[in-house]
Amino acid sequence: MAKTTLMFVLVATTLCSLAFAYEPAPIQDFCVADATSPARVNGLVCKNATTVTADDFSFSGLQLSGNTSNAFGSKVTSVNVAQLPGLNTFGISLVRIDYAPWGINPPHTHPRATEVLTVIEGSLQVGFVTSATENKLITKVLVKGDVFVFPVGLVHFQRNVGNYNAVAIAALSSQNPGVIQVASSVFGSTPEIDSDIIAKAFQVEKYTVEQIKSKF
């Protein structure tokens, strides 16, 4: 129990350090997001401070395991400004990631955030790919208590390399980091990217692209 508590303290410390993010520093104590406002700004409009309550700054449920019964064998539970309005303007968020045995969090990017991941339970193979033209894979197997950083914008992934469930907590340097899943973005976009373009990019036959598209 003490070790688990220590890990969560480590994550909290990481979150504090990530507060120095790309997003502008707040110029007031807080700016709780008003999701009902029709105004469109770079971020979210502030809620009237007189109506703010403690609930605007809290989130419950992160202790609950995510449902990993899907094709990837993983579940990401996000706590960003959409779930926790008090994060607005603070440039920080977090996620809990649950992995079934040999489950993956497939290759993806966060266009607006660096990610610092801490393994809470189990062992994970993690990695990211550097930008062109090098395209170097940086990868390592992590165990409970290990920490790994994924640089902003780079394609990265995790895989549970154990026969038991695994859990990780990750801090991200944005209140709204965004996520771009590589496979679903290319093969499952709406409207579709022309199959001839994808086939030429991946140097495969068009029918192969169509077969992959049918899965998204």
N, C-alpha and C. Protein backbone atom coordinates (compact mmCIF):
# COMPACT_ATOMS: atom_id res chain seq x y z
N MET A 1 0.83 -1.21 0.00
CA MET A 1 0.00 0.00 0.00
C MET A 1 0.87 1.26 0.00
N ALA A 2 1.95 1.20 0.84
CA ALA A 2 2.83 2.36 0.92
C ALA A 2 3.52 2.63 -0.41
N LYS A 3 3.90 1.53 -1.11
CA LYS A 3 4.56 1.70 -2.41
C LYS A 3 3.63 2.31 -3.44
N THR A 4 2.36 1.86 -3.42
CA THR A 4 1.38 2.43 -4.36
C THR A 4 1.14 3.90 -4.08
N THR A 5 1.07 4.25 -2.78
CA THR A 5 0.89 5.65 -2.40
C THR A 5 2.06 6.48 -2.89
N LEU A 6 3.27 5.94 -2.74
CA LEU A 6 4.47 6.65 -3.19
C LEU A 6 4.42 6.91 -4.70
N MET A 7 3.91 5.94 -5.45
CA MET A 7 3.82 6.10 -6.90
C MET A 7 2.87 7.22 -7.27
N PHE A 8 1.74 7.29 -6.58
CA PHE A 8 0.79 8.34 -6.87
C PHE A 8 1.34 9.71 -6.48
N VAL A 9 2.15 9.76 -5.42
CA VAL A 9 2.82 11.01 -5.05
C VAL A 9 3.77 11.43 -6.16
N LEU A 10 4.50 10.44 -6.72
CA LEU A 10 5.40 10.71 -7.83
C LEU A 10 4.65 11.28 -9.02
N VAL A 11 3.50 10.70 -9.33
CA VAL A 11 2.69 11.19 -10.44
C VAL A 11 2.24 12.62 -10.17
N ALA A 12 1.80 12.89 -8.94
CA ALA A 12 1.35 14.24 -8.59
C ALA A 12 2.47 15.25 -8.74
N THR A 13 3.69 14.86 -8.35
CA THR A 13 4.84 15.74 -8.50
C THR A 13 5.12 16.02 -9.97
N THR A 14 5.00 14.98 -10.79
CA THR A 14 5.18 15.14 -12.23
C THR A 14 4.17 16.10 -12.81
N LEU A 15 2.92 15.97 -12.36
CA LEU A 15 1.87 16.86 -12.84
C LEU A 15 2.21 18.31 -12.53
N CYS A 16 2.74 18.56 -11.34
CA CYS A 16 3.08 19.93 -10.96
C CYS A 16 4.15 20.48 -11.89
N SER A 17 5.15 19.65 -12.22
CA SER A 17 6.22 20.12 -13.10
C SER A 17 5.72 20.37 -14.50
N LEU A 18 4.72 19.59 -14.93
CA LEU A 18 4.19 19.75 -16.28
C LEU A 18 3.32 20.99 -16.42
N ALA A 19 2.99 21.64 -15.32
CA ALA A 19 2.15 22.82 -15.38
C ALA A 19 2.80 23.94 -16.19
N PHE A 20 4.14 23.89 -16.32
CA PHE A 20 4.83 24.86 -17.15
C PHE A 20 4.77 24.38 -18.58
N ALA A 21 3.62 24.57 -19.22
CA ALA A 21 3.35 23.97 -20.52
C ALA A 21 3.34 25.03 -21.60
N TYR A 22 2.92 24.61 -22.82
CA TYR A 22 2.86 25.54 -23.94
C TYR A 22 1.74 26.56 -23.78
N GLU A 23 0.72 26.22 -23.04
CA GLU A 23 -0.44 27.08 -22.94
C GLU A 23 -0.14 28.30 -22.07
N PRO A 24 -0.77 29.45 -22.35
CA PRO A 24 -0.46 30.67 -21.61
C PRO A 24 -0.69 30.51 -20.12
N ALA A 25 0.16 31.15 -19.33
CA ALA A 25 0.00 31.11 -17.88
C ALA A 25 -1.27 31.86 -17.49
N PRO A 26 -2.01 31.36 -16.49
CA PRO A 26 -3.23 32.06 -16.07
C PRO A 26 -2.91 33.42 -15.48
N ILE A 27 -3.82 34.36 -15.66
CA ILE A 27 -3.64 35.72 -15.12
C ILE A 27 -4.64 35.98 -14.00
N GLN A 28 -5.22 34.90 -13.47
CA GLN A 28 -6.14 34.98 -12.34
C GLN A 28 -6.02 33.67 -11.57
N ASP A 29 -6.69 33.58 -10.44
CA ASP A 29 -6.58 32.37 -9.62
C ASP A 29 -7.03 31.14 -10.38
N PHE A 30 -8.13 31.25 -11.10
CA PHE A 30 -8.65 30.13 -11.88
C PHE A 30 -9.60 30.66 -12.94
N CYS A 31 -9.90 29.78 -13.89
CA CYS A 31 -10.85 30.09 -14.97
C CYS A 31 -11.60 28.81 -15.28
N VAL A 32 -12.52 28.46 -14.40
CA VAL A 32 -13.28 27.22 -14.57
C VAL A 32 -14.02 27.25 -15.91
N ALA A 33 -13.89 26.20 -16.69
CA ALA A 33 -14.47 26.17 -18.03
C ALA A 33 -15.99 26.21 -17.98
N ASP A 34 -16.56 27.04 -18.84
CA ASP A 34 -18.02 27.10 -19.00
C ASP A 34 -18.37 26.43 -20.32
N ALA A 35 -18.70 25.14 -20.24
CA ALA A 35 -18.97 24.36 -21.44
C ALA A 35 -20.27 24.77 -22.13
N THR A 36 -21.11 25.55 -21.45
CA THR A 36 -22.40 25.95 -22.03
C THR A 36 -22.30 27.24 -22.83
N SER A 37 -21.17 27.93 -22.74
CA SER A 37 -21.04 29.21 -23.43
C SER A 37 -20.93 29.02 -24.94
N PRO A 38 -21.66 29.82 -25.74
CA PRO A 38 -21.58 29.73 -27.20
C PRO A 38 -20.33 30.42 -27.75
N ALA A 39 -19.62 31.16 -26.90
CA ALA A 39 -18.43 31.89 -27.37
C ALA A 39 -17.35 30.92 -27.80
N ARG A 40 -16.60 31.28 -28.85
CA ARG A 40 -15.54 30.44 -29.36
C ARG A 40 -14.20 31.16 -29.17
N VAL A 41 -13.36 30.59 -28.32
CA VAL A 41 -12.04 31.16 -28.06
C VAL A 41 -11.02 30.03 -28.13
N ASN A 42 -9.73 30.37 -28.04
CA ASN A 42 -8.68 29.35 -28.03
C ASN A 42 -8.59 28.78 -26.61
N GLY A 43 -9.45 27.81 -26.36
CA GLY A 43 -9.63 27.29 -25.00
C GLY A 43 -11.11 27.31 -24.69
N LEU A 44 -11.45 27.54 -23.44
CA LEU A 44 -12.85 27.62 -23.03
C LEU A 44 -13.09 28.87 -22.20
N VAL A 45 -14.27 29.44 -22.35
CA VAL A 45 -14.65 30.64 -21.63
C VAL A 45 -14.73 30.36 -20.13
N CYS A 46 -14.40 31.37 -19.33
CA CYS A 46 -14.46 31.22 -17.88
C CYS A 46 -15.90 31.24 -17.38
N LYS A 47 -16.18 30.35 -16.46
CA LYS A 47 -17.45 30.36 -15.74
C LYS A 47 -17.46 31.54 -14.77
N ASN A 48 -18.64 32.08 -14.50
CA ASN A 48 -18.76 33.16 -13.52
C ASN A 48 -18.20 32.69 -12.18
N ALA A 49 -17.23 33.40 -11.66
CA ALA A 49 -16.53 32.98 -10.44
C ALA A 49 -17.47 32.82 -9.25
N THR A 50 -18.58 33.54 -9.25
CA THR A 50 -19.50 33.46 -8.12
C THR A 50 -20.28 32.14 -8.10
N THR A 51 -20.28 31.43 -9.22
CA THR A 51 -21.01 30.16 -9.30
C THR A 51 -20.09 28.95 -9.17
N VAL A 52 -18.80 29.17 -9.01
CA VAL A 52 -17.83 28.08 -8.92
C VAL A 52 -17.97 27.35 -7.59
N THR A 53 -17.88 26.02 -7.64
CA THR A 53 -17.94 25.19 -6.44
C THR A 53 -16.75 24.23 -6.42
N ALA A 54 -16.60 23.52 -5.31
CA ALA A 54 -15.52 22.54 -5.19
C ALA A 54 -15.62 21.44 -6.25
N ASP A 55 -16.84 21.14 -6.68
CA ASP A 55 -17.02 20.09 -7.68
C ASP A 55 -16.35 20.44 -9.01
N ASP A 56 -16.16 21.74 -9.28
CA ASP A 56 -15.49 22.15 -10.52
C ASP A 56 -14.02 21.77 -10.52
N PHE A 57 -13.48 21.47 -9.34
CA PHE A 57 -12.05 21.18 -9.22
C PHE A 57 -11.78 19.72 -8.85
N SER A 58 -12.79 18.88 -8.90
CA SER A 58 -12.59 17.49 -8.48
C SER A 58 -13.14 16.51 -9.51
N PHE A 59 -12.59 15.31 -9.49
CA PHE A 59 -13.01 14.23 -10.37
C PHE A 59 -12.95 12.94 -9.57
N SER A 60 -13.95 12.10 -9.71
CA SER A 60 -13.98 10.83 -8.99
C SER A 60 -14.04 9.65 -9.96
N GLY A 61 -13.42 8.55 -9.57
CA GLY A 61 -13.54 7.34 -10.36
C GLY A 61 -12.26 6.80 -10.95
N LEU A 62 -11.14 7.49 -10.74
CA LEU A 62 -9.91 7.04 -11.36
C LEU A 62 -9.37 5.75 -10.72
N GLN A 63 -9.92 5.37 -9.59
CA GLN A 63 -9.50 4.11 -8.96
C GLN A 63 -10.15 2.90 -9.63
N LEU A 64 -11.14 3.15 -10.49
CA LEU A 64 -11.89 2.06 -11.13
C LEU A 64 -11.15 1.55 -12.37
N SER A 65 -11.12 0.24 -12.53
CA SER A 65 -10.48 -0.36 -13.70
C SER A 65 -11.30 -0.09 -14.95
N GLY A 66 -10.62 0.21 -16.05
CA GLY A 66 -11.30 0.42 -17.33
C GLY A 66 -11.62 -0.90 -18.00
N ASN A 67 -12.64 -0.88 -18.86
CA ASN A 67 -13.06 -2.07 -19.58
C ASN A 67 -12.14 -2.31 -20.77
N THR A 68 -11.36 -3.37 -20.71
CA THR A 68 -10.39 -3.67 -21.77
C THR A 68 -10.90 -4.71 -22.77
N SER A 69 -12.20 -4.96 -22.74
CA SER A 69 -12.77 -5.96 -23.67
C SER A 69 -13.01 -5.33 -25.04
N ASN A 70 -11.95 -5.10 -25.76
CA ASN A 70 -12.02 -4.53 -27.10
C ASN A 70 -10.87 -5.08 -27.93
N ALA A 71 -10.81 -4.68 -29.18
CA ALA A 71 -9.81 -5.23 -30.11
C ALA A 71 -8.38 -4.95 -29.67
N PHE A 72 -8.17 -3.82 -28.97
CA PHE A 72 -6.83 -3.45 -28.56
C PHE A 72 -6.45 -4.01 -27.19
N GLY A 73 -7.45 -4.36 -26.39
CA GLY A 73 -7.16 -4.84 -25.05
C GLY A 73 -6.68 -3.74 -24.12
N SER A 74 -7.21 -2.54 -24.28
CA SER A 74 -6.82 -1.43 -23.41
C SER A 74 -7.98 -0.45 -23.26
N LYS A 75 -7.89 0.38 -22.24
CA LYS A 75 -8.90 1.42 -22.01
C LYS A 75 -8.21 2.64 -21.41
N VAL A 76 -8.41 3.79 -22.06
CA VAL A 76 -7.87 5.05 -21.57
C VAL A 76 -8.99 5.85 -20.91
N THR A 77 -8.80 6.19 -19.65
CA THR A 77 -9.74 7.03 -18.91
C THR A 77 -9.12 8.41 -18.76
N SER A 78 -9.70 9.40 -19.42
CA SER A 78 -9.11 10.75 -19.46
C SER A 78 -9.66 11.64 -18.36
N VAL A 79 -8.78 12.48 -17.85
CA VAL A 79 -9.18 13.56 -16.95
C VAL A 79 -8.57 14.84 -17.51
N ASN A 80 -9.28 15.42 -18.48
CA ASN A 80 -8.85 16.69 -19.05
C ASN A 80 -9.92 17.74 -18.78
N VAL A 81 -9.85 18.85 -19.45
CA VAL A 81 -10.77 19.95 -19.14
C VAL A 81 -12.23 19.57 -19.38
N ALA A 82 -12.47 18.59 -20.24
CA ALA A 82 -13.85 18.16 -20.50
C ALA A 82 -14.45 17.46 -19.29
N GLN A 83 -13.61 16.74 -18.54
CA GLN A 83 -14.10 16.03 -17.36
C GLN A 83 -13.89 16.84 -16.08
N LEU A 84 -12.92 17.72 -16.07
CA LEU A 84 -12.56 18.50 -14.88
C LEU A 84 -12.41 19.96 -15.27
N PRO A 85 -13.50 20.73 -15.27
CA PRO A 85 -13.48 22.10 -15.79
C PRO A 85 -12.48 23.01 -15.11
N GLY A 86 -12.11 22.70 -13.86
CA GLY A 86 -11.14 23.52 -13.16
C GLY A 86 -9.75 23.50 -13.76
N LEU A 87 -9.48 22.57 -14.69
CA LEU A 87 -8.18 22.52 -15.35
C LEU A 87 -8.01 23.62 -16.38
N ASN A 88 -9.09 24.28 -16.76
CA ASN A 88 -9.03 25.29 -17.82
C ASN A 88 -7.93 26.32 -17.53
N THR A 89 -7.10 26.57 -18.51
CA THR A 89 -5.96 27.51 -18.55
C THR A 89 -4.73 27.02 -17.79
N PHE A 90 -4.78 25.85 -17.16
CA PHE A 90 -3.65 25.40 -16.36
C PHE A 90 -2.64 24.54 -17.12
N GLY A 91 -2.98 24.15 -18.35
CA GLY A 91 -2.02 23.44 -19.18
C GLY A 91 -1.60 22.09 -18.64
N ILE A 92 -2.56 21.33 -18.13
CA ILE A 92 -2.22 20.05 -17.52
C ILE A 92 -3.43 19.13 -17.53
N SER A 93 -3.20 17.81 -17.63
CA SER A 93 -4.26 16.82 -17.57
C SER A 93 -3.61 15.47 -17.29
N LEU A 94 -4.44 14.43 -17.11
CA LEU A 94 -3.89 13.10 -16.91
C LEU A 94 -4.84 12.05 -17.44
N VAL A 95 -4.30 10.84 -17.55
CA VAL A 95 -5.11 9.69 -17.97
C VAL A 95 -4.72 8.48 -17.13
N ARG A 96 -5.68 7.57 -16.97
CA ARG A 96 -5.39 6.24 -16.47
C ARG A 96 -5.52 5.30 -17.66
N ILE A 97 -4.57 4.38 -17.81
CA ILE A 97 -4.62 3.41 -18.90
C ILE A 97 -4.60 2.01 -18.32
N ASP A 98 -5.61 1.23 -18.66
CA ASP A 98 -5.68 -0.18 -18.26
C ASP A 98 -5.36 -1.05 -19.45
N TYR A 99 -4.62 -2.12 -19.22
CA TYR A 99 -4.21 -3.04 -20.28
C TYR A 99 -4.56 -4.47 -19.88
N ALA A 100 -5.24 -5.19 -20.76
CA ALA A 100 -5.41 -6.62 -20.59
C ALA A 100 -4.06 -7.29 -20.88
N PRO A 101 -3.86 -8.55 -20.50
CA PRO A 101 -2.62 -9.24 -20.85
C PRO A 101 -2.34 -9.14 -22.35
N TRP A 102 -1.17 -8.63 -22.69
CA TRP A 102 -0.72 -8.42 -24.07
C TRP A 102 -1.56 -7.41 -24.84
N GLY A 103 -2.33 -6.61 -24.12
CA GLY A 103 -3.09 -5.54 -24.75
C GLY A 103 -2.18 -4.38 -25.14
N ILE A 104 -2.62 -3.57 -26.07
CA ILE A 104 -1.81 -2.43 -26.54
C ILE A 104 -2.60 -1.13 -26.47
N ASN A 105 -1.88 -0.04 -26.29
CA ASN A 105 -2.39 1.29 -26.59
C ASN A 105 -1.74 1.63 -27.92
N PRO A 106 -2.49 1.54 -29.03
CA PRO A 106 -1.88 1.54 -30.37
C PRO A 106 -1.16 2.84 -30.70
N PRO A 107 -0.29 2.82 -31.70
CA PRO A 107 0.48 4.01 -32.08
C PRO A 107 -0.43 5.23 -32.28
N HIS A 108 -0.04 6.33 -31.62
CA HIS A 108 -0.83 7.56 -31.68
C HIS A 108 0.08 8.74 -31.34
N THR A 109 -0.45 9.94 -31.49
CA THR A 109 0.28 11.15 -31.10
C THR A 109 -0.64 12.05 -30.29
N HIS A 110 -0.01 12.93 -29.52
CA HIS A 110 -0.73 14.02 -28.85
C HIS A 110 -0.19 15.33 -29.45
N PRO A 111 -0.96 16.00 -30.29
CA PRO A 111 -0.43 17.16 -31.01
C PRO A 111 -0.10 18.35 -30.11
N ARG A 112 -0.65 18.36 -28.89
CA ARG A 112 -0.45 19.53 -28.03
C ARG A 112 0.21 19.21 -26.69
N ALA A 113 0.79 18.02 -26.54
CA ALA A 113 1.29 17.70 -25.21
C ALA A 113 2.43 16.69 -25.21
N THR A 114 3.37 16.92 -24.30
CA THR A 114 4.33 15.90 -23.89
C THR A 114 3.64 15.04 -22.84
N GLU A 115 3.99 13.74 -22.81
CA GLU A 115 3.36 12.81 -21.88
C GLU A 115 4.42 12.15 -21.00
N VAL A 116 4.15 12.10 -19.70
CA VAL A 116 5.02 11.38 -18.76
C VAL A 116 4.20 10.25 -18.16
N LEU A 117 4.63 9.00 -18.42
CA LEU A 117 3.87 7.82 -18.01
C LEU A 117 4.57 7.10 -16.86
N THR A 118 3.79 6.70 -15.85
CA THR A 118 4.28 5.93 -14.72
C THR A 118 3.54 4.60 -14.65
N VAL A 119 4.27 3.51 -14.57
CA VAL A 119 3.66 2.19 -14.45
C VAL A 119 3.26 1.95 -12.99
N ILE A 120 1.98 1.68 -12.78
CA ILE A 120 1.46 1.44 -11.43
C ILE A 120 1.42 -0.06 -11.12
N GLU A 121 1.03 -0.85 -12.11
CA GLU A 121 1.01 -2.31 -11.97
C GLU A 121 1.44 -2.95 -13.28
N GLY A 122 2.17 -4.06 -13.20
CA GLY A 122 2.52 -4.82 -14.39
C GLY A 122 3.80 -4.35 -15.06
N SER A 123 3.98 -4.78 -16.29
CA SER A 123 5.16 -4.40 -17.08
C SER A 123 4.71 -4.03 -18.49
N LEU A 124 5.30 -2.98 -19.02
CA LEU A 124 4.90 -2.45 -20.32
C LEU A 124 6.11 -2.25 -21.22
N GLN A 125 5.97 -2.64 -22.48
CA GLN A 125 6.90 -2.18 -23.50
C GLN A 125 6.36 -0.85 -24.01
N VAL A 126 7.20 0.18 -23.98
CA VAL A 126 6.79 1.49 -24.46
C VAL A 126 7.78 1.95 -25.52
N GLY A 127 7.35 2.89 -26.35
CA GLY A 127 8.28 3.39 -27.34
C GLY A 127 7.71 4.56 -28.12
N PHE A 128 8.61 5.30 -28.74
CA PHE A 128 8.20 6.36 -29.67
C PHE A 128 9.18 6.38 -30.83
N VAL A 129 8.76 7.01 -31.94
CA VAL A 129 9.56 7.09 -33.15
C VAL A 129 9.93 8.54 -33.39
N THR A 130 11.22 8.79 -33.63
CA THR A 130 11.66 10.15 -33.88
C THR A 130 11.17 10.62 -35.26
N SER A 131 11.27 11.90 -35.49
CA SER A 131 10.74 12.47 -36.73
C SER A 131 11.63 12.14 -37.92
N ALA A 132 11.05 12.32 -39.13
CA ALA A 132 11.78 12.05 -40.37
C ALA A 132 12.99 13.00 -40.44
N THR A 133 14.07 12.57 -41.03
CA THR A 133 14.18 11.36 -41.83
C THR A 133 14.78 10.18 -41.07
N GLU A 134 15.10 10.39 -39.82
CA GLU A 134 15.74 9.33 -39.04
C GLU A 134 14.77 8.20 -38.71
N ASN A 135 13.56 8.56 -38.24
CA ASN A 135 12.54 7.56 -37.90
C ASN A 135 13.10 6.46 -36.98
N LYS A 136 13.81 6.87 -35.93
CA LYS A 136 14.42 5.92 -35.02
C LYS A 136 13.44 5.52 -33.92
N LEU A 137 13.34 4.21 -33.68
CA LEU A 137 12.49 3.71 -32.61
C LEU A 137 13.26 3.73 -31.29
N ILE A 138 12.69 4.44 -30.31
CA ILE A 138 13.23 4.47 -28.95
C ILE A 138 12.27 3.64 -28.10
N THR A 139 12.73 2.51 -27.58
CA THR A 139 11.80 1.62 -26.88
C THR A 139 12.47 0.98 -25.67
N LYS A 140 11.63 0.60 -24.69
CA LYS A 140 12.14 0.01 -23.45
C LYS A 140 11.00 -0.72 -22.76
N VAL A 141 11.34 -1.74 -21.99
CA VAL A 141 10.35 -2.42 -21.14
C VAL A 141 10.40 -1.81 -19.75
N LEU A 142 9.25 -1.38 -19.26
CA LEU A 142 9.13 -0.77 -17.94
C LEU A 142 8.45 -1.73 -16.98
N VAL A 143 8.80 -1.61 -15.71
CA VAL A 143 8.13 -2.37 -14.66
C VAL A 143 7.54 -1.40 -13.65
N LYS A 144 6.82 -1.92 -12.69
CA LYS A 144 6.14 -1.11 -11.68
C LYS A 144 7.08 -0.07 -11.08
N GLY A 145 6.63 1.19 -11.11
CA GLY A 145 7.42 2.28 -10.57
C GLY A 145 8.27 3.01 -11.58
N ASP A 146 8.43 2.45 -12.79
CA ASP A 146 9.25 3.11 -13.82
C ASP A 146 8.47 4.26 -14.47
N VAL A 147 9.22 5.24 -14.96
CA VAL A 147 8.65 6.43 -15.60
C VAL A 147 9.28 6.60 -16.98
N PHE A 148 8.48 7.03 -17.95
CA PHE A 148 8.96 7.22 -19.33
C PHE A 148 8.29 8.45 -19.90
N VAL A 149 9.02 9.20 -20.71
CA VAL A 149 8.46 10.42 -21.32
C VAL A 149 8.34 10.24 -22.83
N PHE A 150 7.18 10.67 -23.36
CA PHE A 150 6.93 10.69 -24.80
C PHE A 150 6.92 12.14 -25.26
N PRO A 151 7.88 12.56 -26.10
CA PRO A 151 7.94 13.96 -26.54
C PRO A 151 6.69 14.38 -27.32
N VAL A 152 6.35 15.63 -27.21
CA VAL A 152 5.15 16.18 -27.84
C VAL A 152 5.14 15.89 -29.34
N GLY A 153 4.00 15.41 -29.84
CA GLY A 153 3.79 15.24 -31.27
C GLY A 153 4.34 13.97 -31.89
N LEU A 154 5.18 13.22 -31.15
CA LEU A 154 5.78 12.02 -31.75
C LEU A 154 4.88 10.80 -31.59
N VAL A 155 4.91 9.92 -32.59
CA VAL A 155 4.13 8.69 -32.54
C VAL A 155 4.68 7.79 -31.44
N HIS A 156 3.79 7.29 -30.58
CA HIS A 156 4.22 6.43 -29.48
C HIS A 156 3.18 5.36 -29.19
N PHE A 157 3.54 4.40 -28.34
CA PHE A 157 2.66 3.26 -28.07
C PHE A 157 3.06 2.64 -26.74
N GLN A 158 2.18 1.75 -26.23
CA GLN A 158 2.50 0.89 -25.09
C GLN A 158 1.91 -0.49 -25.35
N ARG A 159 2.58 -1.50 -24.79
CA ARG A 159 2.08 -2.87 -24.87
C ARG A 159 2.34 -3.58 -23.54
N ASN A 160 1.30 -4.21 -23.01
CA ASN A 160 1.45 -5.04 -21.82
C ASN A 160 2.21 -6.30 -22.22
N VAL A 161 3.37 -6.52 -21.63
CA VAL A 161 4.17 -7.70 -21.99
C VAL A 161 4.10 -8.77 -20.90
N GLY A 162 3.03 -8.71 -20.11
CA GLY A 162 2.84 -9.71 -19.07
C GLY A 162 1.55 -10.49 -19.25
N ASN A 163 1.40 -11.52 -18.46
CA ASN A 163 0.20 -12.36 -18.50
C ASN A 163 -0.87 -11.91 -17.51
N TYR A 164 -0.66 -10.73 -16.92
CA TYR A 164 -1.62 -10.17 -15.98
C TYR A 164 -1.97 -8.75 -16.41
N ASN A 165 -3.05 -8.22 -15.86
CA ASN A 165 -3.44 -6.85 -16.18
C ASN A 165 -2.35 -5.87 -15.76
N ALA A 166 -2.28 -4.77 -16.48
CA ALA A 166 -1.33 -3.70 -16.16
C ALA A 166 -2.08 -2.38 -16.08
N VAL A 167 -1.52 -1.44 -15.32
CA VAL A 167 -2.11 -0.12 -15.14
C VAL A 167 -1.02 0.94 -15.19
N ALA A 168 -1.31 2.05 -15.86
CA ALA A 168 -0.38 3.18 -15.89
C ALA A 168 -1.17 4.47 -15.68
N ILE A 169 -0.49 5.46 -15.11
CA ILE A 169 -1.02 6.81 -15.00
C ILE A 169 -0.09 7.71 -15.80
N ALA A 170 -0.66 8.58 -16.63
CA ALA A 170 0.16 9.48 -17.44
C ALA A 170 -0.29 10.92 -17.26
N ALA A 171 0.67 11.80 -17.14
CA ALA A 171 0.42 13.24 -17.07
C ALA A 171 0.74 13.86 -18.42
N LEU A 172 -0.07 14.83 -18.85
CA LEU A 172 0.12 15.48 -20.14
C LEU A 172 0.14 17.00 -19.97
N SER A 173 1.00 17.64 -20.75
CA SER A 173 1.24 19.07 -20.57
C SER A 173 0.25 19.94 -21.33
N SER A 174 -1.01 19.59 -21.28
CA SER A 174 -2.07 20.39 -21.88
C SER A 174 -3.39 20.04 -21.22
N GLN A 175 -4.26 21.03 -21.08
CA GLN A 175 -5.59 20.75 -20.55
C GLN A 175 -6.42 19.98 -21.57
N ASN A 176 -6.00 20.02 -22.84
CA ASN A 176 -6.70 19.34 -23.93
C ASN A 176 -5.66 18.85 -24.92
N PRO A 177 -4.95 17.76 -24.59
CA PRO A 177 -3.80 17.34 -25.40
C PRO A 177 -4.14 16.84 -26.79
N GLY A 178 -5.37 16.36 -26.99
CA GLY A 178 -5.74 15.78 -28.27
C GLY A 178 -5.08 14.43 -28.49
N VAL A 179 -5.67 13.62 -29.32
CA VAL A 179 -5.07 12.33 -29.66
C VAL A 179 -5.37 12.01 -31.12
N ILE A 180 -4.35 11.57 -31.83
CA ILE A 180 -4.49 11.16 -33.23
C ILE A 180 -4.03 9.71 -33.32
N GLN A 181 -4.98 8.79 -33.48
CA GLN A 181 -4.65 7.38 -33.66
C GLN A 181 -4.18 7.18 -35.10
N VAL A 182 -2.97 6.66 -35.25
CA VAL A 182 -2.37 6.57 -36.58
C VAL A 182 -3.23 5.72 -37.53
N ALA A 183 -3.58 4.52 -37.12
CA ALA A 183 -4.32 3.62 -38.01
C ALA A 183 -5.70 4.15 -38.35
N SER A 184 -6.45 4.56 -37.32
CA SER A 184 -7.82 5.00 -37.58
C SER A 184 -7.86 6.32 -38.33
N SER A 185 -6.84 7.17 -38.15
CA SER A 185 -6.79 8.43 -38.88
C SER A 185 -6.57 8.19 -40.37
N VAL A 186 -5.69 7.24 -40.69
CA VAL A 186 -5.36 6.98 -42.10
C VAL A 186 -6.43 6.13 -42.78
N PHE A 187 -6.87 5.07 -42.07
CA PHE A 187 -7.76 4.10 -42.70
C PHE A 187 -9.24 4.31 -42.35
N GLY A 188 -9.53 5.17 -41.39
CA GLY A 188 -10.92 5.34 -40.97
C GLY A 188 -11.41 6.76 -40.97
N SER A 189 -10.78 7.63 -41.76
CA SER A 189 -11.18 9.04 -41.77
C SER A 189 -12.54 9.20 -42.44
N THR A 190 -13.20 10.33 -42.15
CA THR A 190 -14.49 10.67 -42.77
C THR A 190 -14.41 12.08 -43.33
N PRO A 191 -14.56 12.27 -44.65
CA PRO A 191 -14.65 11.22 -45.66
C PRO A 191 -13.32 10.48 -45.81
N GLU A 192 -13.35 9.38 -46.52
CA GLU A 192 -12.18 8.53 -46.64
C GLU A 192 -11.07 9.19 -47.46
N ILE A 193 -9.83 8.87 -47.09
CA ILE A 193 -8.70 9.19 -47.96
C ILE A 193 -8.74 8.20 -49.13
N ASP A 194 -8.54 8.70 -50.31
CA ASP A 194 -8.59 7.83 -51.49
C ASP A 194 -7.62 6.66 -51.33
N SER A 195 -8.10 5.46 -51.60
CA SER A 195 -7.30 4.25 -51.42
C SER A 195 -6.04 4.24 -52.27
N ASP A 196 -6.11 4.86 -53.44
CA ASP A 196 -4.92 4.92 -54.30
C ASP A 196 -3.79 5.70 -53.62
N ILE A 197 -4.17 6.76 -52.90
CA ILE A 197 -3.16 7.57 -52.19
C ILE A 197 -2.50 6.75 -51.09
N ILE A 198 -3.33 6.06 -50.30
CA ILE A 198 -2.79 5.25 -49.20
C ILE A 198 -1.94 4.11 -49.75
N ALA A 199 -2.41 3.46 -50.81
CA ALA A 199 -1.67 2.35 -51.40
C ALA A 199 -0.29 2.79 -51.86
N LYS A 200 -0.22 3.96 -52.47
CA LYS A 200 1.07 4.45 -52.94
C LYS A 200 1.97 4.83 -51.77
N ALA A 201 1.37 5.42 -50.74
CA ALA A 201 2.15 5.83 -49.56
C ALA A 201 2.74 4.63 -48.83
N PHE A 202 1.96 3.55 -48.73
CA PHE A 202 2.40 2.35 -48.01
C PHE A 202 3.05 1.31 -48.92
N GLN A 203 3.06 1.62 -50.24
CA GLN A 203 3.66 0.70 -51.22
C GLN A 203 3.03 -0.70 -51.16
N VAL A 204 1.68 -0.70 -51.16
CA VAL A 204 0.93 -1.96 -51.17
C VAL A 204 -0.14 -1.86 -52.26
N GLU A 205 -0.81 -2.98 -52.50
CA GLU A 205 -1.88 -2.99 -53.49
C GLU A 205 -3.14 -2.32 -52.93
N LYS A 206 -3.95 -1.80 -53.83
CA LYS A 206 -5.16 -1.10 -53.43
C LYS A 206 -6.11 -2.01 -52.66
N TYR A 207 -6.20 -3.28 -53.05
CA TYR A 207 -7.13 -4.19 -52.38
C TYR A 207 -6.72 -4.41 -50.92
N THR A 208 -5.43 -4.32 -50.64
CA THR A 208 -4.95 -4.44 -49.25
C THR A 208 -5.45 -3.27 -48.42
N VAL A 209 -5.41 -2.10 -49.00
CA VAL A 209 -5.92 -0.90 -48.31
C VAL A 209 -7.41 -1.05 -48.05
N GLU A 210 -8.15 -1.50 -49.05
CA GLU A 210 -9.59 -1.65 -48.89
C GLU A 210 -9.91 -2.68 -47.77
N GLN A 211 -9.10 -3.71 -47.70
CA GLN A 211 -9.32 -4.73 -46.66
C GLN A 211 -9.09 -4.14 -45.28
N ILE A 212 -8.05 -3.33 -45.14
CA ILE A 212 -7.77 -2.70 -43.83
C ILE A 212 -8.86 -1.69 -43.50
N LYS A 213 -9.28 -0.91 -44.48
CA LYS A 213 -10.33 0.09 -44.25
C LYS A 213 -11.61 -0.54 -43.70
N SER A 214 -11.90 -1.75 -44.11
CA SER A 214 -13.14 -2.42 -43.69
C SER A 214 -13.17 -2.69 -42.20
N LYS A 215 -12.03 -2.58 -41.53
CA LYS A 215 -11.95 -2.84 -40.11
C LYS A 215 -12.17 -1.58 -39.28
N PHE A 216 -12.30 -0.42 -39.95
CA PHE A 216 -12.45 0.84 -39.24
C PHE A 216 -13.78 1.51 -39.56
